[in-house]
Amino acid sequence: MSRTRSGTTDEDVLEAVRDLLTTGQLRPGQAIRQVELAERLGVSRVPVREALKTLEAVGLLQHTANRSYIVSKLSFREIEEIYRLREILESDAIRQTLAQGASRQLIWKMEQAHERELAAPGGDIILSTKLNREFHFPVFDGATAAQVRLIRQLWDCTDPYRILYYENHGHLESALAEHTEILEAVKTGDAELVIALSDSHRQRGITQLAPIVE
């Protein structure tokens, strides 16, 4: 893997740009200027250009006529479709993970993430977005790597919008309360209960996005 002059790998640059997108630091519809982004990351333009091409290929960015990029915007219908796909994949992943009950490691991972998100400063929405993933993804660990990768890609597409409703502190508090319920359900090893609570949690997100997304 090639390295930039700063010693950062191309993969590091790709993940750094992806992180800016999924935490809402680059908003849907926002134009991206390669020079400014390279300066922001402290790297040359070459790995940034390659990262943007990769993220365009997975739908997170759109290439414009003047050879620049903008952050992809989704319609509400598209977001609903992505959430429906998530429901199918995540429900199956939860059943696989909890097929033999909840392991100590699974419970520990989710407890650690939940404790951190409860302790996070209320105004740090970017941190809350990252911790949200840390909380949810352990319960998908029993699925195949390909399935988890698909779930992650679907999350990548809609996470730029998650921060829009996290900006309403009441929405974030509701999400954390639901995380507590999901964690307690995981501890019982009842996959169908975890799925039901996760479906409700996901649907609340859709409902809150409706007035925000054009």
N, C-alpha and C. Protein backbone atom coordinates (compact mmCIF):
# COMPACT_ATOMS: atom_id res chain seq x y z
N MET A 1 0.85 -1.19 0.00
CA MET A 1 0.00 0.00 0.00
C MET A 1 0.89 1.24 0.00
N SER A 2 0.61 2.17 -0.90
CA SER A 2 1.44 3.36 -0.98
C SER A 2 1.19 4.29 0.19
N ARG A 3 2.19 5.15 0.44
CA ARG A 3 2.06 6.09 1.54
C ARG A 3 2.22 7.51 1.02
N THR A 4 1.53 8.44 1.64
CA THR A 4 1.66 9.84 1.29
C THR A 4 2.90 10.39 1.97
N ARG A 5 3.22 11.63 1.66
CA ARG A 5 4.41 12.25 2.25
C ARG A 5 4.31 12.36 3.76
N SER A 6 3.09 12.37 4.29
CA SER A 6 2.92 12.47 5.74
C SER A 6 3.05 11.12 6.42
N GLY A 7 3.22 10.04 5.62
CA GLY A 7 3.32 8.71 6.20
C GLY A 7 1.98 8.03 6.36
N THR A 8 0.91 8.68 5.93
CA THR A 8 -0.43 8.11 6.03
C THR A 8 -0.70 7.24 4.81
N THR A 9 -1.29 6.08 5.00
CA THR A 9 -1.58 5.20 3.88
C THR A 9 -2.80 5.70 3.11
N ASP A 10 -2.91 5.23 1.87
CA ASP A 10 -4.07 5.58 1.05
C ASP A 10 -5.36 5.13 1.74
N GLU A 11 -5.30 3.96 2.39
CA GLU A 11 -6.48 3.45 3.10
C GLU A 11 -6.85 4.36 4.26
N ASP A 12 -5.85 4.91 4.93
CA ASP A 12 -6.11 5.85 6.02
C ASP A 12 -6.83 7.09 5.51
N VAL A 13 -6.40 7.57 4.35
CA VAL A 13 -7.04 8.76 3.76
C VAL A 13 -8.47 8.45 3.38
N LEU A 14 -8.68 7.27 2.79
CA LEU A 14 -10.04 6.86 2.41
C LEU A 14 -10.94 6.82 3.64
N GLU A 15 -10.46 6.22 4.72
CA GLU A 15 -11.27 6.12 5.93
C GLU A 15 -11.49 7.49 6.57
N ALA A 16 -10.50 8.37 6.46
CA ALA A 16 -10.65 9.71 7.02
C ALA A 16 -11.74 10.49 6.29
N VAL A 17 -11.76 10.38 4.96
CA VAL A 17 -12.79 11.07 4.18
C VAL A 17 -14.15 10.44 4.44
N ARG A 18 -14.19 9.11 4.51
CA ARG A 18 -15.45 8.43 4.81
C ARG A 18 -15.99 8.88 6.17
N ASP A 19 -15.08 9.04 7.12
CA ASP A 19 -15.46 9.47 8.46
C ASP A 19 -16.07 10.88 8.43
N LEU A 20 -15.50 11.76 7.62
CA LEU A 20 -16.05 13.11 7.49
C LEU A 20 -17.47 13.07 6.94
N LEU A 21 -17.73 12.11 6.06
CA LEU A 21 -19.06 11.98 5.46
C LEU A 21 -20.06 11.38 6.44
N THR A 22 -19.67 10.27 7.07
CA THR A 22 -20.63 9.55 7.90
C THR A 22 -20.90 10.23 9.23
N THR A 23 -20.05 11.17 9.63
CA THR A 23 -20.32 11.93 10.85
C THR A 23 -20.91 13.30 10.55
N GLY A 24 -21.24 13.54 9.28
CA GLY A 24 -21.91 14.78 8.93
C GLY A 24 -21.03 16.01 8.87
N GLN A 25 -19.71 15.82 8.94
CA GLN A 25 -18.82 16.98 8.84
C GLN A 25 -18.79 17.51 7.41
N LEU A 26 -19.11 16.63 6.47
CA LEU A 26 -19.39 17.02 5.09
C LEU A 26 -20.85 16.69 4.86
N ARG A 27 -21.67 17.70 4.62
CA ARG A 27 -23.12 17.53 4.59
C ARG A 27 -23.63 17.17 3.19
N PRO A 28 -24.78 16.50 3.11
CA PRO A 28 -25.39 16.19 1.82
C PRO A 28 -25.55 17.45 0.96
N GLY A 29 -25.08 17.36 -0.29
CA GLY A 29 -25.16 18.48 -1.21
C GLY A 29 -23.96 19.41 -1.15
N GLN A 30 -23.09 19.22 -0.18
CA GLN A 30 -21.93 20.11 -0.03
C GLN A 30 -20.87 19.81 -1.09
N ALA A 31 -20.31 20.86 -1.67
CA ALA A 31 -19.23 20.70 -2.65
C ALA A 31 -17.93 20.38 -1.93
N ILE A 32 -17.12 19.54 -2.56
CA ILE A 32 -15.83 19.15 -1.98
C ILE A 32 -14.72 19.67 -2.88
N ARG A 33 -13.82 20.41 -2.31
CA ARG A 33 -12.66 20.93 -3.04
C ARG A 33 -11.43 20.14 -2.63
N GLN A 34 -10.82 19.48 -3.61
CA GLN A 34 -9.74 18.55 -3.31
C GLN A 34 -8.57 19.22 -2.59
N VAL A 35 -8.22 20.42 -3.00
CA VAL A 35 -7.08 21.11 -2.39
C VAL A 35 -7.36 21.37 -0.91
N GLU A 36 -8.55 21.90 -0.62
CA GLU A 36 -8.91 22.20 0.76
C GLU A 36 -8.98 20.92 1.60
N LEU A 37 -9.52 19.85 1.01
CA LEU A 37 -9.63 18.60 1.75
C LEU A 37 -8.26 18.01 2.03
N ALA A 38 -7.36 18.09 1.05
CA ALA A 38 -5.99 17.59 1.26
C ALA A 38 -5.30 18.37 2.37
N GLU A 39 -5.48 19.68 2.38
CA GLU A 39 -4.88 20.51 3.44
C GLU A 39 -5.48 20.16 4.80
N ARG A 40 -6.77 19.92 4.81
CA ARG A 40 -7.46 19.58 6.07
C ARG A 40 -6.91 18.28 6.65
N LEU A 41 -6.61 17.32 5.77
CA LEU A 41 -6.12 16.02 6.22
C LEU A 41 -4.60 15.97 6.35
N GLY A 42 -3.94 17.01 5.84
CA GLY A 42 -2.48 17.06 5.92
C GLY A 42 -1.79 16.08 5.00
N VAL A 43 -2.39 15.86 3.82
CA VAL A 43 -1.82 14.92 2.85
C VAL A 43 -1.79 15.57 1.47
N SER A 44 -1.20 14.87 0.51
CA SER A 44 -1.17 15.38 -0.86
C SER A 44 -2.52 15.14 -1.53
N ARG A 45 -2.69 15.70 -2.72
CA ARG A 45 -3.97 15.57 -3.43
C ARG A 45 -4.16 14.18 -4.02
N VAL A 46 -3.07 13.45 -4.26
CA VAL A 46 -3.17 12.15 -4.95
C VAL A 46 -4.04 11.16 -4.17
N PRO A 47 -3.76 10.87 -2.90
CA PRO A 47 -4.61 9.92 -2.18
C PRO A 47 -6.03 10.45 -1.96
N VAL A 48 -6.17 11.77 -1.86
CA VAL A 48 -7.50 12.36 -1.72
C VAL A 48 -8.31 12.11 -2.99
N ARG A 49 -7.68 12.32 -4.14
CA ARG A 49 -8.37 12.10 -5.41
C ARG A 49 -8.81 10.64 -5.54
N GLU A 50 -7.94 9.71 -5.15
CA GLU A 50 -8.29 8.29 -5.23
C GLU A 50 -9.41 7.95 -4.25
N ALA A 51 -9.38 8.55 -3.07
CA ALA A 51 -10.43 8.30 -2.08
C ALA A 51 -11.78 8.79 -2.60
N LEU A 52 -11.78 9.95 -3.23
CA LEU A 52 -13.03 10.50 -3.76
C LEU A 52 -13.59 9.61 -4.87
N LYS A 53 -12.72 9.06 -5.70
CA LYS A 53 -13.18 8.15 -6.75
C LYS A 53 -13.82 6.90 -6.14
N THR A 54 -13.19 6.38 -5.10
CA THR A 54 -13.72 5.18 -4.44
C THR A 54 -15.08 5.46 -3.82
N LEU A 55 -15.21 6.59 -3.16
CA LEU A 55 -16.46 6.93 -2.49
C LEU A 55 -17.56 7.29 -3.48
N GLU A 56 -17.16 7.77 -4.65
CA GLU A 56 -18.15 7.98 -5.71
C GLU A 56 -18.69 6.63 -6.19
N ALA A 57 -17.81 5.64 -6.29
CA ALA A 57 -18.20 4.32 -6.79
C ALA A 57 -19.22 3.65 -5.89
N VAL A 58 -19.19 3.95 -4.58
CA VAL A 58 -20.15 3.34 -3.66
C VAL A 58 -21.33 4.26 -3.38
N GLY A 59 -21.40 5.38 -4.09
CA GLY A 59 -22.58 6.23 -4.03
C GLY A 59 -22.58 7.33 -2.98
N LEU A 60 -21.47 7.49 -2.25
CA LEU A 60 -21.44 8.53 -1.22
C LEU A 60 -21.17 9.91 -1.80
N LEU A 61 -20.57 9.94 -2.99
CA LEU A 61 -20.27 11.21 -3.65
C LEU A 61 -20.80 11.17 -5.08
N GLN A 62 -20.98 12.36 -5.65
CA GLN A 62 -21.36 12.48 -7.05
C GLN A 62 -20.33 13.36 -7.75
N HIS A 63 -19.95 12.94 -8.96
CA HIS A 63 -18.98 13.69 -9.75
C HIS A 63 -19.73 14.68 -10.62
N THR A 64 -19.35 15.94 -10.57
CA THR A 64 -20.05 16.98 -11.32
C THR A 64 -19.38 17.23 -12.66
N ALA A 65 -20.05 18.02 -13.49
CA ALA A 65 -19.56 18.30 -14.84
C ALA A 65 -18.21 19.02 -14.84
N ASN A 66 -17.95 19.82 -13.81
CA ASN A 66 -16.69 20.57 -13.77
C ASN A 66 -15.58 19.81 -13.04
N ARG A 67 -15.74 18.48 -12.96
CA ARG A 67 -14.73 17.58 -12.39
C ARG A 67 -14.56 17.72 -10.88
N SER A 68 -15.52 18.30 -10.22
CA SER A 68 -15.47 18.35 -8.77
C SER A 68 -16.47 17.33 -8.21
N TYR A 69 -16.57 17.27 -6.90
CA TYR A 69 -17.47 16.31 -6.26
C TYR A 69 -18.40 17.03 -5.31
N ILE A 70 -19.59 16.44 -5.14
CA ILE A 70 -20.50 16.90 -4.09
C ILE A 70 -20.94 15.68 -3.29
N VAL A 71 -21.29 15.91 -2.04
CA VAL A 71 -21.80 14.83 -1.20
C VAL A 71 -23.19 14.45 -1.70
N SER A 72 -23.40 13.17 -1.91
CA SER A 72 -24.67 12.70 -2.46
C SER A 72 -25.84 13.07 -1.57
N LYS A 73 -26.94 13.45 -2.21
CA LYS A 73 -28.19 13.73 -1.50
C LYS A 73 -29.18 12.62 -1.81
N LEU A 74 -29.89 12.18 -0.80
CA LEU A 74 -30.89 11.14 -0.97
C LEU A 74 -32.28 11.72 -0.79
N SER A 75 -33.22 11.19 -1.54
CA SER A 75 -34.62 11.55 -1.30
C SER A 75 -35.12 10.75 -0.10
N PHE A 76 -36.24 11.18 0.46
CA PHE A 76 -36.78 10.44 1.60
C PHE A 76 -37.15 9.02 1.19
N ARG A 77 -37.65 8.86 -0.02
CA ARG A 77 -38.01 7.52 -0.50
C ARG A 77 -36.77 6.63 -0.57
N GLU A 78 -35.66 7.17 -1.03
CA GLU A 78 -34.42 6.39 -1.10
C GLU A 78 -33.95 5.98 0.30
N ILE A 79 -34.08 6.89 1.25
CA ILE A 79 -33.69 6.56 2.63
C ILE A 79 -34.59 5.46 3.18
N GLU A 80 -35.88 5.54 2.89
CA GLU A 80 -36.80 4.48 3.34
C GLU A 80 -36.40 3.13 2.75
N GLU A 81 -36.02 3.12 1.48
CA GLU A 81 -35.62 1.87 0.83
C GLU A 81 -34.36 1.30 1.48
N ILE A 82 -33.41 2.17 1.80
CA ILE A 82 -32.18 1.72 2.45
C ILE A 82 -32.49 1.15 3.83
N TYR A 83 -33.38 1.78 4.55
CA TYR A 83 -33.75 1.27 5.88
C TYR A 83 -34.47 -0.07 5.79
N ARG A 84 -35.26 -0.27 4.73
CA ARG A 84 -35.93 -1.56 4.55
C ARG A 84 -34.89 -2.66 4.29
N LEU A 85 -33.88 -2.35 3.49
CA LEU A 85 -32.81 -3.32 3.25
C LEU A 85 -32.05 -3.61 4.54
N ARG A 86 -31.81 -2.57 5.32
CA ARG A 86 -31.15 -2.76 6.61
C ARG A 86 -31.96 -3.70 7.51
N GLU A 87 -33.26 -3.51 7.52
CA GLU A 87 -34.11 -4.35 8.36
C GLU A 87 -33.93 -5.83 8.03
N ILE A 88 -33.90 -6.15 6.74
CA ILE A 88 -33.75 -7.54 6.32
C ILE A 88 -32.39 -8.09 6.74
N LEU A 89 -31.33 -7.36 6.40
CA LEU A 89 -29.97 -7.83 6.67
C LEU A 89 -29.66 -7.86 8.16
N GLU A 90 -30.08 -6.83 8.87
CA GLU A 90 -29.76 -6.75 10.30
C GLU A 90 -30.54 -7.78 11.11
N SER A 91 -31.78 -8.02 10.74
CA SER A 91 -32.57 -9.03 11.46
C SER A 91 -31.92 -10.40 11.33
N ASP A 92 -31.48 -10.72 10.13
CA ASP A 92 -30.81 -12.01 9.91
C ASP A 92 -29.50 -12.08 10.68
N ALA A 93 -28.75 -10.96 10.69
CA ALA A 93 -27.48 -10.93 11.41
C ALA A 93 -27.69 -11.11 12.91
N ILE A 94 -28.73 -10.50 13.45
CA ILE A 94 -29.02 -10.63 14.89
C ILE A 94 -29.37 -12.08 15.22
N ARG A 95 -30.16 -12.72 14.37
CA ARG A 95 -30.52 -14.13 14.62
C ARG A 95 -29.27 -15.01 14.61
N GLN A 96 -28.36 -14.74 13.68
CA GLN A 96 -27.13 -15.54 13.63
C GLN A 96 -26.27 -15.30 14.87
N THR A 97 -26.16 -14.05 15.28
CA THR A 97 -25.32 -13.71 16.43
C THR A 97 -25.86 -14.31 17.72
N LEU A 98 -27.18 -14.30 17.88
CA LEU A 98 -27.79 -14.76 19.13
C LEU A 98 -28.30 -16.19 19.05
N ALA A 99 -27.88 -16.91 18.02
CA ALA A 99 -28.35 -18.29 17.84
C ALA A 99 -28.04 -19.16 19.06
N GLN A 100 -26.91 -18.90 19.69
CA GLN A 100 -26.51 -19.65 20.88
C GLN A 100 -26.57 -18.77 22.13
N GLY A 101 -27.37 -17.71 22.07
CA GLY A 101 -27.45 -16.79 23.20
C GLY A 101 -26.41 -15.69 23.08
N ALA A 102 -26.44 -14.78 24.03
CA ALA A 102 -25.52 -13.63 24.01
C ALA A 102 -24.23 -13.99 24.73
N SER A 103 -23.11 -13.84 24.03
CA SER A 103 -21.81 -14.13 24.65
C SER A 103 -21.42 -13.01 25.60
N ARG A 104 -20.52 -13.32 26.51
CA ARG A 104 -20.02 -12.30 27.44
C ARG A 104 -19.33 -11.17 26.68
N GLN A 105 -18.60 -11.54 25.62
CA GLN A 105 -17.88 -10.53 24.85
C GLN A 105 -18.85 -9.57 24.17
N LEU A 106 -19.93 -10.12 23.62
CA LEU A 106 -20.94 -9.27 22.97
C LEU A 106 -21.54 -8.29 23.97
N ILE A 107 -21.95 -8.80 25.11
CA ILE A 107 -22.55 -7.93 26.13
C ILE A 107 -21.56 -6.88 26.59
N TRP A 108 -20.30 -7.28 26.78
CA TRP A 108 -19.27 -6.33 27.22
C TRP A 108 -19.08 -5.22 26.20
N LYS A 109 -19.00 -5.58 24.92
CA LYS A 109 -18.81 -4.57 23.87
C LYS A 109 -19.95 -3.56 23.86
N MET A 110 -21.17 -4.06 23.95
CA MET A 110 -22.33 -3.17 23.90
C MET A 110 -22.43 -2.33 25.17
N GLU A 111 -22.11 -2.92 26.31
CA GLU A 111 -22.13 -2.16 27.56
C GLU A 111 -21.11 -1.03 27.53
N GLN A 112 -19.91 -1.35 27.05
CA GLN A 112 -18.86 -0.32 26.98
C GLN A 112 -19.27 0.83 26.07
N ALA A 113 -19.82 0.50 24.91
CA ALA A 113 -20.26 1.54 23.97
C ALA A 113 -21.39 2.37 24.58
N HIS A 114 -22.31 1.69 25.26
CA HIS A 114 -23.46 2.40 25.82
C HIS A 114 -23.03 3.32 26.97
N GLU A 115 -22.11 2.85 27.79
CA GLU A 115 -21.60 3.69 28.88
C GLU A 115 -20.92 4.94 28.32
N ARG A 116 -20.17 4.75 27.24
CA ARG A 116 -19.47 5.89 26.64
C ARG A 116 -20.44 6.89 26.02
N GLU A 117 -21.49 6.39 25.37
CA GLU A 117 -22.43 7.32 24.74
C GLU A 117 -23.28 8.04 25.78
N LEU A 118 -23.57 7.38 26.90
CA LEU A 118 -24.31 8.05 27.97
C LEU A 118 -23.47 9.14 28.63
N ALA A 119 -22.14 8.91 28.65
CA ALA A 119 -21.23 9.86 29.29
C ALA A 119 -20.76 10.95 28.33
N ALA A 120 -21.05 10.80 27.04
CA ALA A 120 -20.57 11.77 26.05
C ALA A 120 -21.23 13.13 26.26
N PRO A 121 -20.47 14.20 26.04
CA PRO A 121 -21.06 15.54 26.15
C PRO A 121 -22.26 15.68 25.21
N GLY A 122 -23.33 16.27 25.71
CA GLY A 122 -24.56 16.37 24.92
C GLY A 122 -24.40 17.08 23.60
N GLY A 123 -23.46 18.01 23.54
CA GLY A 123 -23.30 18.78 22.31
C GLY A 123 -22.36 18.16 21.30
N ASP A 124 -21.71 17.05 21.66
CA ASP A 124 -20.75 16.42 20.76
C ASP A 124 -21.48 15.42 19.87
N ILE A 125 -22.11 15.92 18.83
CA ILE A 125 -22.94 15.08 17.97
C ILE A 125 -22.08 14.13 17.14
N ILE A 126 -20.89 14.58 16.74
CA ILE A 126 -20.01 13.73 15.95
C ILE A 126 -19.61 12.50 16.75
N LEU A 127 -19.23 12.70 18.01
CA LEU A 127 -18.88 11.57 18.87
C LEU A 127 -20.08 10.65 19.07
N SER A 128 -21.25 11.23 19.26
CA SER A 128 -22.45 10.42 19.46
C SER A 128 -22.74 9.55 18.24
N THR A 129 -22.49 10.10 17.05
CA THR A 129 -22.70 9.33 15.82
C THR A 129 -21.75 8.14 15.75
N LYS A 130 -20.50 8.36 16.12
CA LYS A 130 -19.52 7.27 16.10
C LYS A 130 -19.87 6.20 17.14
N LEU A 131 -20.26 6.63 18.33
CA LEU A 131 -20.60 5.69 19.39
C LEU A 131 -21.86 4.91 19.06
N ASN A 132 -22.75 5.51 18.29
CA ASN A 132 -23.96 4.81 17.87
C ASN A 132 -23.59 3.55 17.09
N ARG A 133 -22.60 3.66 16.22
CA ARG A 133 -22.14 2.49 15.47
C ARG A 133 -21.49 1.47 16.40
N GLU A 134 -20.68 1.96 17.31
CA GLU A 134 -20.01 1.05 18.24
C GLU A 134 -21.02 0.25 19.06
N PHE A 135 -22.16 0.87 19.33
CA PHE A 135 -23.19 0.17 20.10
C PHE A 135 -23.88 -0.90 19.26
N HIS A 136 -24.26 -0.56 18.04
CA HIS A 136 -25.10 -1.45 17.24
C HIS A 136 -24.35 -2.61 16.58
N PHE A 137 -23.14 -2.38 16.12
CA PHE A 137 -22.51 -3.37 15.25
C PHE A 137 -22.08 -4.67 15.94
N PRO A 138 -21.78 -4.71 17.23
CA PRO A 138 -21.42 -6.00 17.83
C PRO A 138 -22.48 -7.07 17.67
N VAL A 139 -23.75 -6.69 17.64
CA VAL A 139 -24.81 -7.70 17.54
C VAL A 139 -24.97 -8.23 16.12
N PHE A 140 -24.14 -7.71 15.20
CA PHE A 140 -24.10 -8.25 13.83
C PHE A 140 -22.91 -9.18 13.63
N ASP A 141 -22.07 -9.34 14.66
CA ASP A 141 -20.80 -10.05 14.50
C ASP A 141 -20.95 -11.51 14.09
N GLY A 142 -22.10 -12.11 14.36
CA GLY A 142 -22.28 -13.52 14.03
C GLY A 142 -22.58 -13.76 12.56
N ALA A 143 -22.83 -12.71 11.81
CA ALA A 143 -23.12 -12.83 10.38
C ALA A 143 -21.81 -12.97 9.60
N THR A 144 -21.93 -13.26 8.32
CA THR A 144 -20.74 -13.38 7.49
C THR A 144 -20.11 -12.00 7.28
N ALA A 145 -18.83 -12.00 6.93
CA ALA A 145 -18.14 -10.74 6.68
C ALA A 145 -18.80 -9.98 5.54
N ALA A 146 -19.26 -10.70 4.52
CA ALA A 146 -19.91 -10.04 3.38
C ALA A 146 -21.20 -9.36 3.81
N GLN A 147 -21.96 -10.01 4.69
CA GLN A 147 -23.22 -9.43 5.15
C GLN A 147 -22.97 -8.19 6.00
N VAL A 148 -21.99 -8.26 6.88
CA VAL A 148 -21.66 -7.10 7.71
C VAL A 148 -21.17 -5.95 6.84
N ARG A 149 -20.42 -6.28 5.81
CA ARG A 149 -19.92 -5.24 4.90
C ARG A 149 -21.09 -4.54 4.20
N LEU A 150 -22.09 -5.29 3.78
CA LEU A 150 -23.27 -4.69 3.15
C LEU A 150 -24.02 -3.80 4.13
N ILE A 151 -24.16 -4.26 5.36
CA ILE A 151 -24.83 -3.44 6.38
C ILE A 151 -24.07 -2.14 6.59
N ARG A 152 -22.75 -2.24 6.65
CA ARG A 152 -21.93 -1.05 6.86
C ARG A 152 -22.09 -0.07 5.70
N GLN A 153 -22.16 -0.58 4.48
CA GLN A 153 -22.32 0.28 3.32
C GLN A 153 -23.66 1.01 3.35
N LEU A 154 -24.70 0.32 3.80
CA LEU A 154 -26.02 0.95 3.91
C LEU A 154 -26.01 2.04 4.98
N TRP A 155 -25.34 1.77 6.09
CA TRP A 155 -25.21 2.80 7.13
C TRP A 155 -24.44 4.00 6.58
N ASP A 156 -23.39 3.74 5.82
CA ASP A 156 -22.59 4.83 5.26
C ASP A 156 -23.45 5.78 4.43
N CYS A 157 -24.41 5.22 3.71
CA CYS A 157 -25.25 6.03 2.83
C CYS A 157 -26.15 6.99 3.59
N THR A 158 -26.62 6.57 4.76
CA THR A 158 -27.61 7.39 5.48
C THR A 158 -27.07 8.10 6.71
N ASP A 159 -25.88 7.73 7.17
CA ASP A 159 -25.35 8.38 8.37
C ASP A 159 -25.16 9.89 8.24
N PRO A 160 -24.87 10.42 7.03
CA PRO A 160 -24.80 11.89 6.93
C PRO A 160 -26.10 12.57 7.33
N TYR A 161 -27.21 11.83 7.27
CA TYR A 161 -28.50 12.40 7.66
C TYR A 161 -28.79 12.20 9.14
N ARG A 162 -28.16 11.18 9.75
CA ARG A 162 -28.40 10.91 11.16
C ARG A 162 -28.05 12.12 12.02
N ILE A 163 -26.95 12.77 11.66
CA ILE A 163 -26.50 13.90 12.47
C ILE A 163 -27.50 15.06 12.41
N LEU A 164 -28.30 15.11 11.33
CA LEU A 164 -29.28 16.18 11.20
C LEU A 164 -30.36 16.08 12.27
N TYR A 165 -30.76 14.84 12.62
CA TYR A 165 -31.76 14.75 13.68
C TYR A 165 -31.13 14.60 15.05
N TYR A 166 -29.85 14.23 15.11
CA TYR A 166 -29.16 14.25 16.40
C TYR A 166 -28.97 15.69 16.90
N GLU A 167 -29.03 16.64 15.97
CA GLU A 167 -28.89 18.04 16.38
C GLU A 167 -30.05 18.48 17.28
N ASN A 168 -31.14 17.75 17.22
CA ASN A 168 -32.24 17.94 18.16
C ASN A 168 -31.94 17.06 19.37
N HIS A 169 -31.57 17.68 20.50
CA HIS A 169 -31.10 16.92 21.65
C HIS A 169 -32.15 15.93 22.15
N GLY A 170 -33.42 16.27 21.99
CA GLY A 170 -34.48 15.36 22.42
C GLY A 170 -34.45 14.06 21.65
N HIS A 171 -34.13 14.14 20.36
CA HIS A 171 -34.04 12.94 19.54
C HIS A 171 -32.90 12.05 20.02
N LEU A 172 -31.78 12.64 20.37
CA LEU A 172 -30.63 11.87 20.84
C LEU A 172 -30.95 11.19 22.16
N GLU A 173 -31.62 11.89 23.05
CA GLU A 173 -31.99 11.30 24.34
C GLU A 173 -32.92 10.10 24.14
N SER A 174 -33.86 10.22 23.21
CA SER A 174 -34.77 9.11 22.92
C SER A 174 -34.00 7.91 22.39
N ALA A 175 -33.02 8.17 21.52
CA ALA A 175 -32.22 7.08 20.95
C ALA A 175 -31.45 6.35 22.04
N LEU A 176 -30.88 7.09 22.98
CA LEU A 176 -30.11 6.48 24.05
C LEU A 176 -31.00 5.63 24.96
N ALA A 177 -32.21 6.11 25.21
CA ALA A 177 -33.16 5.33 26.03
C ALA A 177 -33.50 4.02 25.34
N GLU A 178 -33.65 4.06 24.02
CA GLU A 178 -33.95 2.85 23.27
C GLU A 178 -32.75 1.92 23.24
N HIS A 179 -31.55 2.47 23.24
CA HIS A 179 -30.35 1.64 23.31
C HIS A 179 -30.33 0.84 24.60
N THR A 180 -30.75 1.46 25.69
CA THR A 180 -30.80 0.76 26.98
C THR A 180 -31.73 -0.44 26.88
N GLU A 181 -32.88 -0.26 26.24
CA GLU A 181 -33.84 -1.36 26.07
C GLU A 181 -33.26 -2.47 25.20
N ILE A 182 -32.58 -2.09 24.12
CA ILE A 182 -31.99 -3.08 23.23
C ILE A 182 -30.91 -3.87 23.96
N LEU A 183 -30.08 -3.19 24.73
CA LEU A 183 -29.02 -3.86 25.48
C LEU A 183 -29.60 -4.88 26.46
N GLU A 184 -30.63 -4.49 27.18
CA GLU A 184 -31.25 -5.42 28.13
C GLU A 184 -31.83 -6.63 27.41
N ALA A 185 -32.38 -6.41 26.22
CA ALA A 185 -32.93 -7.52 25.45
C ALA A 185 -31.82 -8.46 24.97
N VAL A 186 -30.69 -7.88 24.56
CA VAL A 186 -29.55 -8.69 24.13
C VAL A 186 -29.09 -9.59 25.27
N LYS A 187 -29.07 -9.07 26.47
CA LYS A 187 -28.63 -9.86 27.63
C LYS A 187 -29.49 -11.10 27.85
N THR A 188 -30.76 -11.02 27.45
CA THR A 188 -31.64 -12.19 27.60
C THR A 188 -31.39 -13.22 26.51
N GLY A 189 -30.73 -12.81 25.43
CA GLY A 189 -30.49 -13.72 24.31
C GLY A 189 -31.69 -13.93 23.42
N ASP A 190 -32.74 -13.15 23.63
CA ASP A 190 -33.99 -13.28 22.86
C ASP A 190 -33.85 -12.51 21.55
N ALA A 191 -33.49 -13.21 20.48
CA ALA A 191 -33.24 -12.56 19.19
C ALA A 191 -34.46 -11.83 18.67
N GLU A 192 -35.64 -12.45 18.81
CA GLU A 192 -36.84 -11.82 18.25
C GLU A 192 -37.20 -10.54 18.99
N LEU A 193 -36.94 -10.49 20.29
CA LEU A 193 -37.18 -9.26 21.04
C LEU A 193 -36.19 -8.18 20.61
N VAL A 194 -34.94 -8.56 20.43
CA VAL A 194 -33.93 -7.60 19.98
C VAL A 194 -34.31 -7.05 18.61
N ILE A 195 -34.77 -7.93 17.73
CA ILE A 195 -35.17 -7.51 16.39
C ILE A 195 -36.36 -6.56 16.46
N ALA A 196 -37.35 -6.88 17.28
CA ALA A 196 -38.53 -6.02 17.41
C ALA A 196 -38.15 -4.63 17.91
N LEU A 197 -37.28 -4.57 18.91
CA LEU A 197 -36.85 -3.28 19.45
C LEU A 197 -36.00 -2.53 18.44
N SER A 198 -35.17 -3.26 17.69
CA SER A 198 -34.33 -2.63 16.67
C SER A 198 -35.18 -2.07 15.54
N ASP A 199 -36.23 -2.81 15.16
CA ASP A 199 -37.14 -2.33 14.12
C ASP A 199 -37.82 -1.03 14.55
N SER A 200 -38.27 -1.00 15.80
CA SER A 200 -38.93 0.19 16.33
C SER A 200 -37.95 1.36 16.39
N HIS A 201 -36.74 1.07 16.79
CA HIS A 201 -35.68 2.08 16.87
C HIS A 201 -35.38 2.66 15.49
N ARG A 202 -35.31 1.79 14.51
CA ARG A 202 -35.03 2.20 13.13
C ARG A 202 -36.19 3.02 12.57
N GLN A 203 -37.41 2.60 12.87
CA GLN A 203 -38.59 3.32 12.37
C GLN A 203 -38.68 4.71 12.97
N ARG A 204 -38.28 4.85 14.23
CA ARG A 204 -38.29 6.18 14.84
C ARG A 204 -37.35 7.11 14.08
N GLY A 205 -36.19 6.55 13.68
CA GLY A 205 -35.25 7.36 12.92
C GLY A 205 -35.84 7.84 11.61
N ILE A 206 -36.55 6.95 10.92
CA ILE A 206 -37.21 7.31 9.66
C ILE A 206 -38.24 8.42 9.90
N THR A 207 -39.03 8.26 10.95
CA THR A 207 -40.07 9.25 11.26
C THR A 207 -39.47 10.62 11.53
N GLN A 208 -38.34 10.64 12.23
CA GLN A 208 -37.71 11.91 12.56
C GLN A 208 -37.02 12.55 11.35
N LEU A 209 -36.62 11.72 10.40
CA LEU A 209 -35.98 12.26 9.20
C LEU A 209 -36.98 12.87 8.22
N ALA A 210 -38.22 12.41 8.28
CA ALA A 210 -39.22 12.83 7.30
C ALA A 210 -39.32 14.34 7.13
N PRO A 211 -39.42 15.12 8.22
CA PRO A 211 -39.54 16.57 8.03
C PRO A 211 -38.22 17.27 7.70
N ILE A 212 -37.11 16.53 7.80
CA ILE A 212 -35.80 17.12 7.58
C ILE A 212 -35.35 16.98 6.14
N VAL A 213 -35.61 15.78 5.57
CA VAL A 213 -35.16 15.48 4.21
C VAL A 213 -36.16 16.03 3.21
N GLU A 214 -35.65 16.70 2.22
CA GLU A 214 -36.53 17.28 1.20
C GLU A 214 -37.13 16.19 0.32
